Protein backbone atom coordinates (compact mmCIF):
# COMPACT_ATOMS: atom_id res chain seq x y z
CA UNK A 1 15.70 -90.47 -15.17
CA UNK A 2 14.15 -88.07 -17.69
CA UNK A 3 11.02 -87.07 -15.76
CA UNK A 4 10.12 -83.43 -16.09
CA UNK A 5 12.79 -82.85 -18.71
CA UNK A 6 12.25 -82.28 -22.40
CA UNK A 7 14.19 -84.69 -24.54
CA UNK A 8 16.45 -82.49 -26.60
CA UNK A 9 19.12 -84.79 -27.92
CA UNK A 10 19.35 -88.07 -29.70
CA UNK A 11 21.32 -89.40 -26.76
CA UNK A 12 18.41 -88.69 -24.38
CA UNK A 13 16.02 -90.43 -26.78
CA UNK A 14 18.21 -93.54 -26.87
CA UNK A 15 18.44 -93.49 -23.07
CA UNK A 16 14.65 -93.58 -22.87
CA UNK A 17 14.30 -96.36 -25.44
CA UNK A 18 16.99 -98.46 -23.76
CA UNK A 19 15.91 -98.07 -20.15
CA UNK A 20 14.87 -101.31 -18.49
CA UNK A 21 11.96 -99.86 -16.56
CA UNK A 22 10.06 -96.78 -17.68
CA UNK A 23 8.85 -94.23 -15.15
CA UNK A 24 5.15 -94.54 -14.25
CA UNK A 25 4.25 -91.27 -15.95
CA UNK A 26 5.68 -89.88 -19.15
CA UNK A 27 5.67 -86.35 -20.53
CA UNK A 28 4.73 -85.50 -24.12
CA UNK A 29 8.27 -85.72 -25.50
CA UNK A 30 8.79 -89.17 -24.02
CA UNK A 31 5.40 -90.34 -25.32
CA UNK A 32 6.24 -89.04 -28.79
CA UNK A 33 9.50 -90.98 -28.86
CA UNK A 34 7.91 -94.23 -27.69
CA UNK A 35 5.01 -93.96 -30.16
CA UNK A 36 7.14 -92.85 -33.09
CA UNK A 37 5.34 -89.53 -33.58
CA UNK A 38 6.59 -85.96 -33.47
CA UNK A 39 6.08 -84.07 -30.22
CA UNK A 40 3.63 -81.66 -31.88
CA UNK A 41 1.43 -84.63 -32.89
CA UNK A 42 0.58 -85.54 -29.29
CA UNK A 43 -1.92 -82.67 -28.75
CA UNK A 44 -4.06 -83.68 -31.76
CA UNK A 45 -4.05 -87.30 -30.51
CA UNK A 46 -5.35 -86.08 -27.15
CA UNK A 47 -7.98 -83.96 -28.93
CA UNK A 48 -9.05 -87.02 -30.96
CA UNK A 49 -9.41 -88.95 -27.66
CA UNK A 50 -6.81 -91.50 -28.74
CA UNK A 51 -4.56 -90.57 -25.80
CA UNK A 52 -5.78 -89.54 -22.38
CA UNK A 53 -3.57 -87.59 -19.99
CA UNK A 54 -3.46 -88.41 -16.30
CA UNK A 55 -5.78 -86.37 -14.12
CA UNK A 56 -7.63 -83.41 -15.57
CA UNK A 57 -4.87 -80.97 -16.55
CA UNK A 58 -5.72 -77.43 -17.60
CA UNK A 59 -5.43 -76.79 -21.35
CA UNK A 60 -2.14 -74.93 -20.91
CA UNK A 61 -0.69 -77.32 -18.28
CA UNK A 62 1.94 -79.95 -19.06
CA UNK A 63 0.40 -83.33 -19.81
CA UNK A 64 1.57 -86.63 -18.33
CA UNK A 65 0.55 -90.09 -19.51
CA UNK A 66 0.60 -93.52 -17.89
CA UNK A 67 3.45 -95.59 -19.28
CA UNK A 68 1.38 -98.80 -19.13
CA UNK A 69 -1.23 -97.25 -21.45
CA UNK A 70 1.41 -95.95 -23.84
CA UNK A 71 3.12 -99.35 -24.03
CA UNK A 72 -0.26 -100.96 -24.76
CA UNK A 73 -0.79 -98.48 -27.61
CA UNK A 74 2.68 -99.24 -29.00
CA UNK A 75 1.75 -102.92 -29.39
CA UNK A 76 -1.75 -102.33 -30.83
CA UNK A 77 -1.65 -102.16 -34.63
CA UNK A 78 -5.25 -100.91 -34.90
CA UNK A 79 -4.59 -98.06 -32.47
CA UNK A 80 -1.46 -97.06 -34.40
CA UNK A 81 -3.48 -97.05 -37.63
CA UNK A 82 -6.19 -94.86 -36.06
CA UNK A 83 -3.60 -92.48 -34.65
CA UNK A 84 -1.83 -92.17 -38.01
CA UNK A 85 -5.15 -91.43 -39.73
CA UNK A 86 -6.06 -88.85 -37.08
CA UNK A 87 -2.75 -87.03 -37.61
CA UNK A 88 -3.23 -87.13 -41.40
CA UNK A 89 -6.78 -85.72 -41.04
CA UNK A 90 -5.47 -82.98 -38.73
CA UNK A 91 -2.84 -81.84 -41.23
CA UNK A 92 -5.27 -82.09 -44.15
CA UNK A 93 -7.76 -79.87 -42.31
CA UNK A 94 -5.03 -77.43 -41.31
CA UNK A 95 -3.60 -77.21 -44.84
CA UNK A 96 -6.97 -76.75 -46.55
CA UNK A 97 -7.69 -73.70 -44.35
CA UNK A 98 -4.72 -71.83 -45.87
CA UNK A 99 -5.33 -69.72 -48.96
CA UNK A 100 -4.21 -71.41 -52.18
CA UNK A 101 -1.59 -68.71 -52.95
CA UNK A 102 -0.14 -68.82 -49.43
CA UNK A 103 3.65 -68.85 -49.40
CA UNK A 104 5.23 -68.62 -45.95
CA UNK A 105 8.01 -66.12 -45.62
CA UNK A 106 7.05 -63.99 -48.61
C-alpha cells in the first residue's frame, strides 16, 4: 500500500484512513495522519517517550511504528491529552529561546 512512501497528497491520506487493514508497521507520515498531528510533531513525541519506534533505529534513520500501538493511542484520551501537552511544551520552549525582536525573513 503506502509502505516506504511519504504521504504527499490528500488522496494518499484518505487512502490510508479508509484502508480496511493497516500495514503492520507505519512510517512517520502515516502515524501523523492517524494520530491527527503534523509530521514534524512525531519526533518530539518520540523524544518525550510517548511513541516508541520499532527496533533501535539510529537518530538519522527512518522510524517505523507498530500499527497496533498507534491504534491503541488513537483510542486513549489520556494519551492524546499527554501528547498534545508535550507538543505545546515543545513549541513553548522553542519559541522562548528566540530573541524577543526576532523577525524571520528580515
